[in-house]
Amino acid sequence: MLFADDVVLVDESRAGVNRKLELWRRTLESKGFRLSRTKTEYIMCNFSATRHAGGDVSLDGQVVVRKDTFRYLGSVLQKDGDIDEDVRHRISAGWLKWRQASGILL
């Protein structure tokens, strides 16, 4: 069995995300791929003052876990649009590389 990794779906509504997620699931599974029901997660970003209808994001009837941060292609996305977590991660990764290159171990 093959697995797809690091797929990001974007929409302005949960209903739109649910439609896209179901389309991806059906399409990938028809080609022999499988979307993990346990590893799939989502983040809802509030980039505007518009209120969105409630409800869940689901994959084949199973509710998808909602996160406050999401790592994608090396960057950390936050639901409020801030970059603090990403900056913190990149600084600590830089210090770790510097310590390793300098032979400094903690």
PDB file of N, CA and C in Angstrom:
ATOM      1  N   MET A   1       0.851  -1.176   0.000  1.00  0.00           N
ATOM      2  CA  MET A   1       0.000   0.000   0.000  1.00  0.00           C
ATOM      3  C   MET A   1       0.894   1.235   0.000  1.00  0.00           C
ATOM      4  N   LEU A   2       0.585   2.213  -0.824  1.00  0.00           N
ATOM      5  CA  LEU A   2       1.329   3.466  -0.907  1.00  0.00           C
ATOM      6  C   LEU A   2       0.637   4.531  -0.082  1.00  0.00           C
ATOM      7  N   PHE A   3       1.402   5.515   0.411  1.00  0.00           N
ATOM      8  CA  PHE A   3       0.847   6.596   1.224  1.00  0.00           C
ATOM      9  C   PHE A   3       1.221   7.940   0.625  1.00  0.00           C
ATOM     10  N   ALA A   4       0.277   8.883   0.612  1.00  0.00           N
ATOM     11  CA  ALA A   4       0.538  10.266   0.206  1.00  0.00           C
ATOM     12  C   ALA A   4       0.932  11.040   1.447  1.00  0.00           C
ATOM     13  N   ASP A   5       1.855  11.992   1.321  1.00  0.00           N
ATOM     14  CA  ASP A   5       2.337  12.738   2.477  1.00  0.00           C
ATOM     15  C   ASP A   5       2.361  14.220   2.156  1.00  0.00           C
ATOM     16  N   ASP A   6       2.105  15.059   3.169  1.00  0.00           N
ATOM     17  CA  ASP A   6       2.197  16.512   3.056  1.00  0.00           C
ATOM     18  C   ASP A   6       1.290  17.111   1.985  1.00  0.00           C
ATOM     19  N   VAL A   7       0.011  16.846   2.099  1.00  0.00           N
ATOM     20  CA  VAL A   7      -0.985  17.450   1.218  1.00  0.00           C
ATOM     21  C   VAL A   7      -1.670  18.565   1.994  1.00  0.00           C
ATOM     22  N   VAL A   8      -1.791  19.743   1.402  1.00  0.00           N
ATOM     23  CA  VAL A   8      -2.473  20.860   2.042  1.00  0.00           C
ATOM     24  C   VAL A   8      -3.658  21.265   1.180  1.00  0.00           C
ATOM     25  N   LEU A   9      -4.831  21.300   1.793  1.00  0.00           N
ATOM     26  CA  LEU A   9      -6.038  21.748   1.111  1.00  0.00           C
ATOM     27  C   LEU A   9      -6.472  23.058   1.741  1.00  0.00           C
ATOM     28  N   VAL A  10      -6.823  24.032   0.935  1.00  0.00           N
ATOM     29  CA  VAL A  10      -7.199  25.354   1.439  1.00  0.00           C
ATOM     30  C   VAL A  10      -8.574  25.715   0.903  1.00  0.00           C
ATOM     31  N   ASP A  11      -9.412  26.247   1.777  1.00  0.00           N
ATOM     32  CA  ASP A  11     -10.724  26.730   1.370  1.00  0.00           C
ATOM     33  C   ASP A  11     -11.178  27.764   2.383  1.00  0.00           C
ATOM     34  N   GLU A  12     -12.195  28.533   2.027  1.00  0.00           N
ATOM     35  CA  GLU A  12     -12.721  29.551   2.931  1.00  0.00           C
ATOM     36  C   GLU A  12     -13.766  29.003   3.886  1.00  0.00           C
ATOM     37  N   SER A  13     -14.169  27.738   3.710  1.00  0.00           N
ATOM     38  CA  SER A  13     -15.184  27.162   4.594  1.00  0.00           C
ATOM     39  C   SER A  13     -14.849  25.718   4.927  1.00  0.00           C
ATOM     40  N   ARG A  14     -15.401  25.243   6.055  1.00  0.00           N
ATOM     41  CA  ARG A  14     -15.220  23.841   6.424  1.00  0.00           C
ATOM     42  C   ARG A  14     -15.874  22.923   5.391  1.00  0.00           C
ATOM     43  N   ALA A  15     -17.038  23.329   4.912  1.00  0.00           N
ATOM     44  CA  ALA A  15     -17.734  22.516   3.912  1.00  0.00           C
ATOM     45  C   ALA A  15     -16.862  22.354   2.665  1.00  0.00           C
ATOM     46  N   GLY A  16     -16.190  23.428   2.266  1.00  0.00           N
ATOM     47  CA  GLY A  16     -15.297  23.357   1.111  1.00  0.00           C
ATOM     48  C   GLY A  16     -14.123  22.439   1.355  1.00  0.00           C
ATOM     49  N   VAL A  17     -13.546  22.515   2.546  1.00  0.00           N
ATOM     50  CA  VAL A  17     -12.433  21.626   2.896  1.00  0.00           C
ATOM     51  C   VAL A  17     -12.913  20.178   2.912  1.00  0.00           C
ATOM     52  N   ASN A  18     -14.088  19.938   3.503  1.00  0.00           N
ATOM     53  CA  ASN A  18     -14.633  18.576   3.525  1.00  0.00           C
ATOM     54  C   ASN A  18     -14.833  18.032   2.113  1.00  0.00           C
ATOM     55  N   ARG A  19     -15.361  18.857   1.202  1.00  0.00           N
ATOM     56  CA  ARG A  19     -15.557  18.413  -0.185  1.00  0.00           C
ATOM     57  C   ARG A  19     -14.218  18.072  -0.838  1.00  0.00           C
ATOM     58  N   LYS A  20     -13.234  18.955  -0.663  1.00  0.00           N
ATOM     59  CA  LYS A  20     -11.919  18.718  -1.269  1.00  0.00           C
ATOM     60  C   LYS A  20     -11.245  17.484  -0.673  1.00  0.00           C
ATOM     61  N   LEU A  21     -11.348  17.340   0.642  1.00  0.00           N
ATOM     62  CA  LEU A  21     -10.734  16.195   1.301  1.00  0.00           C
ATOM     63  C   LEU A  21     -11.349  14.887   0.819  1.00  0.00           C
ATOM     64  N   GLU A  22     -12.655  14.856   0.670  1.00  0.00           N
ATOM     65  CA  GLU A  22     -13.332  13.652   0.177  1.00  0.00           C
ATOM     66  C   GLU A  22     -12.940  13.362  -1.272  1.00  0.00           C
ATOM     67  N   LEU A  23     -12.822  14.400  -2.087  1.00  0.00           N
ATOM     68  CA  LEU A  23     -12.393  14.219  -3.477  1.00  0.00           C
ATOM     69  C   LEU A  23     -10.982  13.647  -3.531  1.00  0.00           C
ATOM     70  N   TRP A  24     -10.075  14.200  -2.730  1.00  0.00           N
ATOM     71  CA  TRP A  24      -8.702  13.687  -2.671  1.00  0.00           C
ATOM     72  C   TRP A  24      -8.686  12.238  -2.201  1.00  0.00           C
ATOM     73  N   ARG A  25      -9.471  11.929  -1.160  1.00  0.00           N
ATOM     74  CA  ARG A  25      -9.500  10.559  -0.639  1.00  0.00           C
ATOM     75  C   ARG A  25      -9.950   9.587  -1.731  1.00  0.00           C
ATOM     76  N   ARG A  26     -11.056   9.885  -2.383  1.00  0.00           N
ATOM     77  CA  ARG A  26     -11.566   8.990  -3.428  1.00  0.00           C
ATOM     78  C   ARG A  26     -10.570   8.847  -4.572  1.00  0.00           C
ATOM     79  N   THR A  27     -10.003   9.974  -5.004  1.00  0.00           N
ATOM     80  CA  THR A  27      -9.065   9.946  -6.134  1.00  0.00           C
ATOM     81  C   THR A  27      -7.811   9.156  -5.791  1.00  0.00           C
ATOM     82  N   LEU A  28      -7.214   9.446  -4.630  1.00  0.00           N
ATOM     83  CA  LEU A  28      -5.988   8.741  -4.248  1.00  0.00           C
ATOM     84  C   LEU A  28      -6.234   7.253  -4.035  1.00  0.00           C
ATOM     85  N   GLU A  29      -7.334   6.915  -3.355  1.00  0.00           N
ATOM     86  CA  GLU A  29      -7.613   5.507  -3.097  1.00  0.00           C
ATOM     87  C   GLU A  29      -7.929   4.750  -4.381  1.00  0.00           C
ATOM     88  N   SER A  30      -8.484   5.426  -5.383  1.00  0.00           N
ATOM     89  CA  SER A  30      -8.738   4.751  -6.662  1.00  0.00           C
ATOM     90  C   SER A  30      -7.435   4.432  -7.391  1.00  0.00           C
ATOM     91  N   LYS A  31      -6.351   5.131  -7.018  1.00  0.00           N
ATOM     92  CA  LYS A  31      -5.029   4.907  -7.626  1.00  0.00           C
ATOM     93  C   LYS A  31      -4.130   4.034  -6.758  1.00  0.00           C
ATOM     94  N   GLY A  32      -4.672   3.496  -5.657  1.00  0.00           N
ATOM     95  CA  GLY A  32      -3.879   2.612  -4.803  1.00  0.00           C
ATOM     96  C   GLY A  32      -3.225   3.300  -3.619  1.00  0.00           C
ATOM     97  N   PHE A  33      -3.450   4.607  -3.447  1.00  0.00           N
ATOM     98  CA  PHE A  33      -2.922   5.328  -2.289  1.00  0.00           C
ATOM     99  C   PHE A  33      -3.944   5.264  -1.158  1.00  0.00           C
ATOM    100  N   ARG A  34      -3.535   5.674   0.039  1.00  0.00           N
ATOM    101  CA  ARG A  34      -4.441   5.680   1.180  1.00  0.00           C
ATOM    102  C   ARG A  34      -4.139   6.900   2.054  1.00  0.00           C
ATOM    103  N   LEU A  35      -5.156   7.662   2.414  1.00  0.00           N
ATOM    104  CA  LEU A  35      -5.010   8.782   3.347  1.00  0.00           C
ATOM    105  C   LEU A  35      -5.156   8.234   4.755  1.00  0.00           C
ATOM    106  N   SER A  36      -4.209   8.530   5.613  1.00  0.00           N
ATOM    107  CA  SER A  36      -4.249   8.052   6.988  1.00  0.00           C
ATOM    108  C   SER A  36      -5.319   8.791   7.773  1.00  0.00           C
ATOM    109  N   ARG A  37      -6.241   8.048   8.335  1.00  0.00           N
ATOM    110  CA  ARG A  37      -7.300   8.657   9.143  1.00  0.00           C
ATOM    111  C   ARG A  37      -6.764   9.102  10.503  1.00  0.00           C
ATOM    112  N   THR A  38      -5.681   8.500  10.965  1.00  0.00           N
ATOM    113  CA  THR A  38      -5.135   8.850  12.286  1.00  0.00           C
ATOM    114  C   THR A  38      -4.089   9.959  12.224  1.00  0.00           C
ATOM    115  N   LYS A  39      -3.423  10.155  11.096  1.00  0.00           N
ATOM    116  CA  LYS A  39      -2.376  11.175  11.001  1.00  0.00           C
ATOM    117  C   LYS A  39      -2.852  12.466  10.337  1.00  0.00           C
ATOM    118  N   THR A  40      -4.026  12.448   9.732  1.00  0.00           N
ATOM    119  CA  THR A  40      -4.545  13.636   9.071  1.00  0.00           C
ATOM    120  C   THR A  40      -5.006  14.640  10.120  1.00  0.00           C
ATOM    121  N   GLU A  41      -4.643  15.907   9.935  1.00  0.00           N
ATOM    122  CA  GLU A  41      -5.028  16.967  10.870  1.00  0.00           C
ATOM    123  C   GLU A  41      -5.258  18.251  10.090  1.00  0.00           C
ATOM    124  N   TYR A  42      -5.895  19.214  10.759  1.00  0.00           N
ATOM    125  CA  TYR A  42      -6.144  20.478  10.077  1.00  0.00           C
ATOM    126  C   TYR A  42      -5.959  21.636  11.039  1.00  0.00           C
ATOM    127  N   ILE A  43      -5.780  22.814  10.447  1.00  0.00           N
ATOM    128  CA  ILE A  43      -5.669  24.049  11.203  1.00  0.00           C
ATOM    129  C   ILE A  43      -6.627  25.053  10.553  1.00  0.00           C
ATOM    130  N   MET A  44      -7.364  25.769  11.388  1.00  0.00           N
ATOM    131  CA  MET A  44      -8.257  26.795  10.878  1.00  0.00           C
ATOM    132  C   MET A  44      -7.633  28.147  11.181  1.00  0.00           C
ATOM    133  N   CYS A  45      -7.307  28.891  10.146  1.00  0.00           N
ATOM    134  CA  CYS A  45      -6.684  30.199  10.307  1.00  0.00           C
ATOM    135  C   CYS A  45      -7.735  31.298  10.188  1.00  0.00           C
ATOM    136  N   ASN A  46      -7.695  32.233  11.126  1.00  0.00           N
ATOM    137  CA  ASN A  46      -8.619  33.366  11.119  1.00  0.00           C
ATOM    138  C   ASN A  46      -7.881  34.599  10.615  1.00  0.00           C
ATOM    139  N   PHE A  47      -7.810  34.764   9.297  1.00  0.00           N
ATOM    140  CA  PHE A  47      -7.105  35.886   8.713  1.00  0.00           C
ATOM    141  C   PHE A  47      -8.008  37.093   8.496  1.00  0.00           C
ATOM    142  N   SER A  48      -9.300  36.930   8.769  1.00  0.00           N
ATOM    143  CA  SER A  48     -10.219  38.056   8.615  1.00  0.00           C
ATOM    144  C   SER A  48     -11.214  38.039   9.768  1.00  0.00           C
ATOM    145  N   ALA A  49     -12.017  39.084   9.867  1.00  0.00           N
ATOM    146  CA  ALA A  49     -12.996  39.185  10.946  1.00  0.00           C
ATOM    147  C   ALA A  49     -14.263  38.392  10.636  1.00  0.00           C
ATOM    148  N   THR A  50     -14.332  37.774   9.475  1.00  0.00           N
ATOM    149  CA  THR A  50     -15.504  37.011   9.075  1.00  0.00           C
ATOM    150  C   THR A  50     -15.668  35.780   9.962  1.00  0.00           C
ATOM    151  N   ARG A  51     -16.866  35.565  10.469  1.00  0.00           N
ATOM    152  CA  ARG A  51     -17.161  34.385  11.283  1.00  0.00           C
ATOM    153  C   ARG A  51     -17.554  33.238  10.353  1.00  0.00           C
ATOM    154  N   HIS A  52     -17.057  32.058  10.655  1.00  0.00           N
ATOM    155  CA  HIS A  52     -17.365  30.890   9.842  1.00  0.00           C
ATOM    156  C   HIS A  52     -18.293  29.961  10.610  1.00  0.00           C
ATOM    157  N   ALA A  53     -19.133  29.263   9.885  1.00  0.00           N
ATOM    158  CA  ALA A  53     -20.066  28.317  10.496  1.00  0.00           C
ATOM    159  C   ALA A  53     -19.306  27.212  11.214  1.00  0.00           C
ATOM    160  N   GLY A  54     -19.892  26.722  12.291  1.00  0.00           N
ATOM    161  CA  GLY A  54     -19.278  25.646  13.061  1.00  0.00           C
ATOM    162  C   GLY A  54     -19.334  24.326  12.320  1.00  0.00           C
ATOM    163  N   GLY A  55     -18.879  23.288  12.989  1.00  0.00           N
ATOM    164  CA  GLY A  55     -18.874  21.961  12.393  1.00  0.00           C
ATOM    165  C   GLY A  55     -17.487  21.372  12.431  1.00  0.00           C
ATOM    166  N   ASP A  56     -17.399  20.157  11.970  1.00  0.00           N
ATOM    167  CA  ASP A  56     -16.128  19.436  11.982  1.00  0.00           C
ATOM    168  C   ASP A  56     -15.630  19.212  10.567  1.00  0.00           C
ATOM    169  N   VAL A  57     -14.319  19.022  10.460  1.00  0.00           N
ATOM    170  CA  VAL A  57     -13.724  18.523   9.230  1.00  0.00           C
ATOM    171  C   VAL A  57     -13.650  17.016   9.417  1.00  0.00           C
ATOM    172  N   SER A  58     -14.074  16.272   8.410  1.00  0.00           N
ATOM    173  CA  SER A  58     -14.063  14.816   8.555  1.00  0.00           C
ATOM    174  C   SER A  58     -13.499  14.160   7.305  1.00  0.00           C
ATOM    175  N   LEU A  59     -12.962  12.966   7.522  1.00  0.00           N
ATOM    176  CA  LEU A  59     -12.390  12.164   6.451  1.00  0.00           C
ATOM    177  C   LEU A  59     -13.083  10.818   6.467  1.00  0.00           C
ATOM    178  N   ASP A  60     -13.891  10.567   5.473  1.00  0.00           N
ATOM    179  CA  ASP A  60     -14.622   9.302   5.355  1.00  0.00           C
ATOM    180  C   ASP A  60     -15.444   9.024   6.614  1.00  0.00           C
ATOM    181  N   GLY A  61     -16.080  10.100   7.150  1.00  0.00           N
ATOM    182  CA  GLY A  61     -16.939   9.957   8.316  1.00  0.00           C
ATOM    183  C   GLY A  61     -16.236  10.068   9.660  1.00  0.00           C
ATOM    184  N   GLN A  62     -14.905  10.108   9.674  1.00  0.00           N
ATOM    185  CA  GLN A  62     -14.144  10.219  10.925  1.00  0.00           C
ATOM    186  C   GLN A  62     -13.680  11.662  11.107  1.00  0.00           C
ATOM    187  N   VAL A  63     -13.923  12.231  12.303  1.00  0.00           N
ATOM    188  CA  VAL A  63     -13.552  13.622  12.577  1.00  0.00           C
ATOM    189  C   VAL A  63     -12.032  13.766  12.541  1.00  0.00           C
ATOM    190  N   VAL A  64     -11.553  14.814  11.854  1.00  0.00           N
ATOM    191  CA  VAL A  64     -10.120  15.109  11.739  1.00  0.00           C
ATOM    192  C   VAL A  64      -9.717  15.997  12.917  1.00  0.00           C
ATOM    193  N   VAL A  65      -8.559  15.719  13.503  1.00  0.00           N
ATOM    194  CA  VAL A  65      -8.059  16.457  14.663  1.00  0.00           C
ATOM    195  C   VAL A  65      -7.701  17.887  14.257  1.00  0.00           C
ATOM    196  N   ARG A  66      -8.143  18.861  15.071  1.00  0.00           N
ATOM    197  CA  ARG A  66      -7.839  20.272  14.847  1.00  0.00           C
ATOM    198  C   ARG A  66      -6.617  20.664  15.668  1.00  0.00           C
ATOM    199  N   LYS A  67      -5.658  21.354  15.050  1.00  0.00           N
ATOM    200  CA  LYS A  67      -4.419  21.786  15.698  1.00  0.00           C
ATOM    201  C   LYS A  67      -4.327  23.304  15.708  1.00  0.00           C
ATOM    202  N   ASP A  68      -3.501  23.848  16.617  1.00  0.00           N
ATOM    203  CA  ASP A  68      -3.245  25.289  16.661  1.00  0.00           C
ATOM    204  C   ASP A  68      -2.043  25.678  15.815  1.00  0.00           C
ATOM    205  N   THR A  69      -1.131  24.722  15.618  1.00  0.00           N
ATOM    206  CA  THR A  69       0.030  24.943  14.755  1.00  0.00           C
ATOM    207  C   THR A  69       0.141  23.763  13.808  1.00  0.00           C
ATOM    208  N   PHE A  70       0.824  23.983  12.689  1.00  0.00           N
ATOM    209  CA  PHE A  70       0.938  22.949  11.673  1.00  0.00           C
ATOM    210  C   PHE A  70       2.282  23.112  10.982  1.00  0.00           C
ATOM    211  N   ARG A  71       3.058  22.049  10.899  1.00  0.00           N
ATOM    212  CA  ARG A  71       4.358  22.102  10.229  1.00  0.00           C
ATOM    213  C   ARG A  71       4.175  21.622   8.792  1.00  0.00           C
ATOM    214  N   TYR A  72       4.595  22.464   7.847  1.00  0.00           N
ATOM    215  CA  TYR A  72       4.495  22.111   6.434  1.00  0.00           C
ATOM    216  C   TYR A  72       5.739  22.593   5.700  1.00  0.00           C
ATOM    217  N   LEU A  73       6.420  21.678   5.055  1.00  0.00           N
ATOM    218  CA  LEU A  73       7.631  21.973   4.283  1.00  0.00           C
ATOM    219  C   LEU A  73       8.635  22.803   5.080  1.00  0.00           C
ATOM    220  N   GLY A  74       8.828  22.450   6.346  1.00  0.00           N
ATOM    221  CA  GLY A  74       9.827  23.095   7.182  1.00  0.00           C
ATOM    222  C   GLY A  74       9.380  24.356   7.877  1.00  0.00           C
ATOM    223  N   SER A  75       8.192  24.843   7.593  1.00  0.00           N
ATOM    224  CA  SER A  75       7.686  26.046   8.250  1.00  0.00           C
ATOM    225  C   SER A  75       6.553  25.694   9.199  1.00  0.00           C
ATOM    226  N   VAL A  76       6.418  26.496  10.256  1.00  0.00           N
ATOM    227  CA  VAL A  76       5.346  26.287  11.213  1.00  0.00           C
ATOM    228  C   VAL A  76       4.284  27.342  10.971  1.00  0.00           C
ATOM    229  N   LEU A  77       3.082  26.899  10.639  1.00  0.00           N
ATOM    230  CA  LEU A  77       1.951  27.795  10.442  1.00  0.00           C
ATOM    231  C   LEU A  77       1.158  27.841  11.735  1.00  0.00           C
ATOM    232  N   GLN A  78       0.692  29.024  12.135  1.00  0.00           N
ATOM    233  CA  GLN A  78      -0.103  29.181  13.345  1.00  0.00           C
ATOM    234  C   GLN A  78      -1.490  29.669  12.965  1.00  0.00           C
ATOM    235  N   LYS A  79      -2.502  29.268  13.754  1.00  0.00           N
ATOM    236  CA  LYS A  79      -3.885  29.604  13.409  1.00  0.00           C
ATOM    237  C   LYS A  79      -4.139  31.102  13.395  1.00  0.00           C
ATOM    238  N   ASP A  80      -3.372  31.879  14.171  1.00  0.00           N
ATOM    239  CA  ASP A  80      -3.590  33.330  14.219  1.00  0.00           C
ATOM    240  C   ASP A  80      -2.733  34.090  13.212  1.00  0.00           C
ATOM    241  N   GLY A  81      -1.943  33.373  12.412  1.00  0.00           N
ATOM    242  CA  GLY A  81      -1.123  34.004  11.397  1.00  0.00           C
ATOM    243  C   GLY A  81       0.235  34.477  11.884  1.00  0.00           C
ATOM    244  N   ASP A  82       0.503  34.375  13.208  1.00  0.00           N
ATOM    245  CA  ASP A  82       1.813  34.771  13.741  1.00  0.00           C
ATOM    246  C   ASP A  82       2.900  33.819  13.264  1.00  0.00           C
ATOM    247  N   ILE A  83       4.136  34.283  13.332  1.00  0.00           N
ATOM    248  CA  ILE A  83       5.273  33.463  12.917  1.00  0.00           C
ATOM    249  C   ILE A  83       6.206  33.154  14.085  1.00  0.00           C
ATOM    250  N   ASP A  84       5.780  33.458  15.315  1.00  0.00           N
ATOM    251  CA  ASP A  84       6.644  33.282  16.487  1.00  0.00           C
ATOM    252  C   ASP A  84       7.193  31.869  16.600  1.00  0.00           C
ATOM    253  N   GLU A  85       6.330  30.875  16.464  1.00  0.00           N
ATOM    254  CA  GLU A  85       6.751  29.478  16.590  1.00  0.00           C
ATOM    255  C   GLU A  85       7.781  29.118  15.529  1.00  0.00           C
ATOM    256  N   ASP A  86       7.574  29.578  14.306  1.00  0.00           N
ATOM    257  CA  ASP A  86       8.500  29.293  13.217  1.00  0.00           C
ATOM    258  C   ASP A  86       9.856  29.943  13.464  1.00  0.00           C
ATOM    259  N   VAL A  87       9.854  31.190  13.908  1.00  0.00           N
ATOM    260  CA  VAL A  87      11.106  31.891  14.192  1.00  0.00           C
ATOM    261  C   VAL A  87      11.862  31.190  15.317  1.00  0.00           C
ATOM    262  N   ARG A  88      11.145  30.814  16.380  1.00  0.00           N
ATOM    263  CA  ARG A  88      11.769  30.102  17.501  1.00  0.00           C
ATOM    264  C   ARG A  88      12.407  28.794  17.030  1.00  0.00           C
ATOM    265  N   HIS A  89      11.694  28.041  16.205  1.00  0.00           N
ATOM    266  CA  HIS A  89      12.209  26.767  15.696  1.00  0.00           C
ATOM    267  C   HIS A  89      13.468  26.977  14.847  1.00  0.00           C
ATOM    268  N   ARG A  90      13.427  27.964  13.967  1.00  0.00           N
ATOM    269  CA  ARG A  90      14.581  28.198  13.083  1.00  0.00           C
ATOM    270  C   ARG A  90      15.810  28.672  13.865  1.00  0.00           C
ATOM    271  N   ILE A  91      15.602  29.485  14.887  1.00  0.00           N
ATOM    272  CA  ILE A  91      16.725  29.934  15.722  1.00  0.00           C
ATOM    273  C   ILE A  91      17.331  28.752  16.464  1.00  0.00           C
ATOM    274  N   SER A  92      16.489  27.910  17.061  1.00  0.00           N
ATOM    275  CA  SER A  92      17.029  26.765  17.816  1.00  0.00           C
ATOM    276  C   SER A  92      17.720  25.782  16.878  1.00  0.00           C
ATOM    277  N   ALA A  93      17.193  25.590  15.657  1.00  0.00           N
ATOM    278  CA  ALA A  93      17.846  24.704  14.691  1.00  0.00           C
ATOM    279  C   ALA A  93      19.196  25.277  14.276  1.00  0.00           C
ATOM    280  N   GLY A  94      19.275  26.592  14.098  1.00  0.00           N
ATOM    281  CA  GLY A  94      20.543  27.237  13.753  1.00  0.00           C
ATOM    282  C   GLY A  94      21.578  27.084  14.853  1.00  0.00           C
ATOM    283  N   TRP A  95      21.153  27.276  16.127  1.00  0.00           N
ATOM    284  CA  TRP A  95      22.072  27.101  17.245  1.00  0.00           C
ATOM    285  C   TRP A  95      22.553  25.659  17.342  1.00  0.00           C
ATOM    286  N   LEU A  96      21.662  24.709  17.105  1.00  0.00           N
ATOM    287  CA  LEU A  96      22.037  23.298  17.157  1.00  0.00           C
ATOM    288  C   LEU A  96      23.084  22.985  16.100  1.00  0.00           C
ATOM    289  N   LYS A  97      22.889  23.474  14.874  1.00  0.00           N
ATOM    290  CA  LYS A  97      23.869  23.254  13.809  1.00  0.00           C
ATOM    291  C   LYS A  97      25.201  23.903  14.157  1.00  0.00           C
ATOM    292  N   TRP A  98      25.158  25.111  14.732  1.00  0.00           N
ATOM    293  CA  TRP A  98      26.389  25.800  15.108  1.00  0.00           C
ATOM    294  C   TRP A  98      27.144  25.017  16.186  1.00  0.00           C
ATOM    295  N   ARG A  99      26.407  24.516  17.207  1.00  0.00           N
ATOM    296  CA  ARG A  99      27.053  23.744  18.276  1.00  0.00           C
ATOM    297  C   ARG A  99      27.655  22.460  17.724  1.00  0.00           C
ATOM    298  N   GLN A 100      26.965  21.790  16.825  1.00  0.00           N
ATOM    299  CA  GLN A 100      27.472  20.566  16.237  1.00  0.00           C
ATOM    300  C   GLN A 100      28.725  20.845  15.417  1.00  0.00           C
ATOM    301  N   ALA A 101      28.720  21.909  14.643  1.00  0.00           N
ATOM    302  CA  ALA A 101      29.875  22.275  13.822  1.00  0.00           C
ATOM    303  C   ALA A 101      31.051  22.697  14.690  1.00  0.00           C
ATOM    304  N   SER A 102      30.760  23.295  15.857  1.00  0.00           N
ATOM    305  CA  SER A 102      31.812  23.766  16.750  1.00  0.00           C
ATOM    306  C   SER A 102      32.299  22.679  17.699  1.00  0.00           C
ATOM    307  N   GLY A 103      31.614  21.541  17.704  1.00  0.00           N
ATOM    308  CA  GLY A 103      31.985  20.449  18.601  1.00  0.00           C
ATOM    309  C   GLY A 103      31.531  20.685  20.038  1.00  0.00           C
ATOM    310  N   ILE A 104      30.567  21.603  20.245  1.00  0.00           N
ATOM    311  CA  ILE A 104      30.069  21.897  21.572  1.00  0.00           C
ATOM    312  C   ILE A 104      28.862  21.002  21.836  1.00  0.00           C
ATOM    313  N   LEU A 105      28.922  20.248  22.908  1.00  0.00           N
ATOM    314  CA  LEU A 105      27.808  19.382  23.296  1.00  0.00           C
ATOM    315  C   LEU A 105      27.273  19.823  24.633  1.00  0.00           C
ATOM    316  N   LEU A 106      25.977  19.840  24.800  1.00  0.00           N
ATOM    317  CA  LEU A 106      25.353  20.210  26.083  1.00  0.00           C
ATOM    318  C   LEU A 106      24.801  18.988  26.754  1.00  0.00           C
TER     319      LEU A 106
END
